[in-house]
Amino acid sequence: MVIEALILCFLAKIKHYKLKYLFSTWTFYPVLIAQCILIVFEFSVFFRTYYFVRFAPVMDFVIISSFLFCIFEFKLYKPAVFGSVSAVAGTILNKLAIAQNGGKMPAYPTLSFITGYLDPEIFGPADSIHALGDSATKLKILTDYIDFGYCVLSIGDVLIHMFFCIMLYSLIKAVNIRYSEQKKEETRAN
């Protein structure tokens, strides 16, 4: 989700939102901590440490949960509903692909093999969720084939990541509204 976060920050800057306001609210820190944990997990694979791969399904829950404080503090209910619908739809698509492929999510890494993020040895004892895709794979369109070089996503994963994108952008917008109004009030008071 690093790429998504960078793109969202770029879009927010284009809209003249100040990213520094994110650090003014304590509700952003659970999101930041969850993202840092995810980054450590993802980059550990570059060092052939596959221990954290088993926690991948839990990380989706942790990342979604990290936004709970933001949702309630800034009343981001509408974006949360849209993001949740997207995450549920993505989860259903992933479960469908897994169910059709013997309990495994077929993956088609390309760029990740070149960058060294993945090698064929990870598919087996190190990763009980994924398997290399082959000609027997069913519902290939729902499998992991969107390769960024540091992760391989499915359409379902993209929909799950949409929750993060919707919520982060909504949070950036909400903190800018709140803190820019406070700055205006302080300026008027002086």
Foldseek 3Di string as FASTA:
>chain_A
DVVLVVVLVVVCVVVVFDPVLLVVDPLNVQLVVLVVVVVCQLCVLLVVDLQCQVCVVVSLVSNLVSCPVVCVVLVVVVLLVQLVVLLVVLVVLQVVQCVQVVNAFAAAEDLLVVLSSDDQVCADPSHPHHHHDDPPRPPVQQGFYCYPNRDTDHSSVVSSCVSVSSSVSVSSVSSRVVVVVVVVVVVVVD
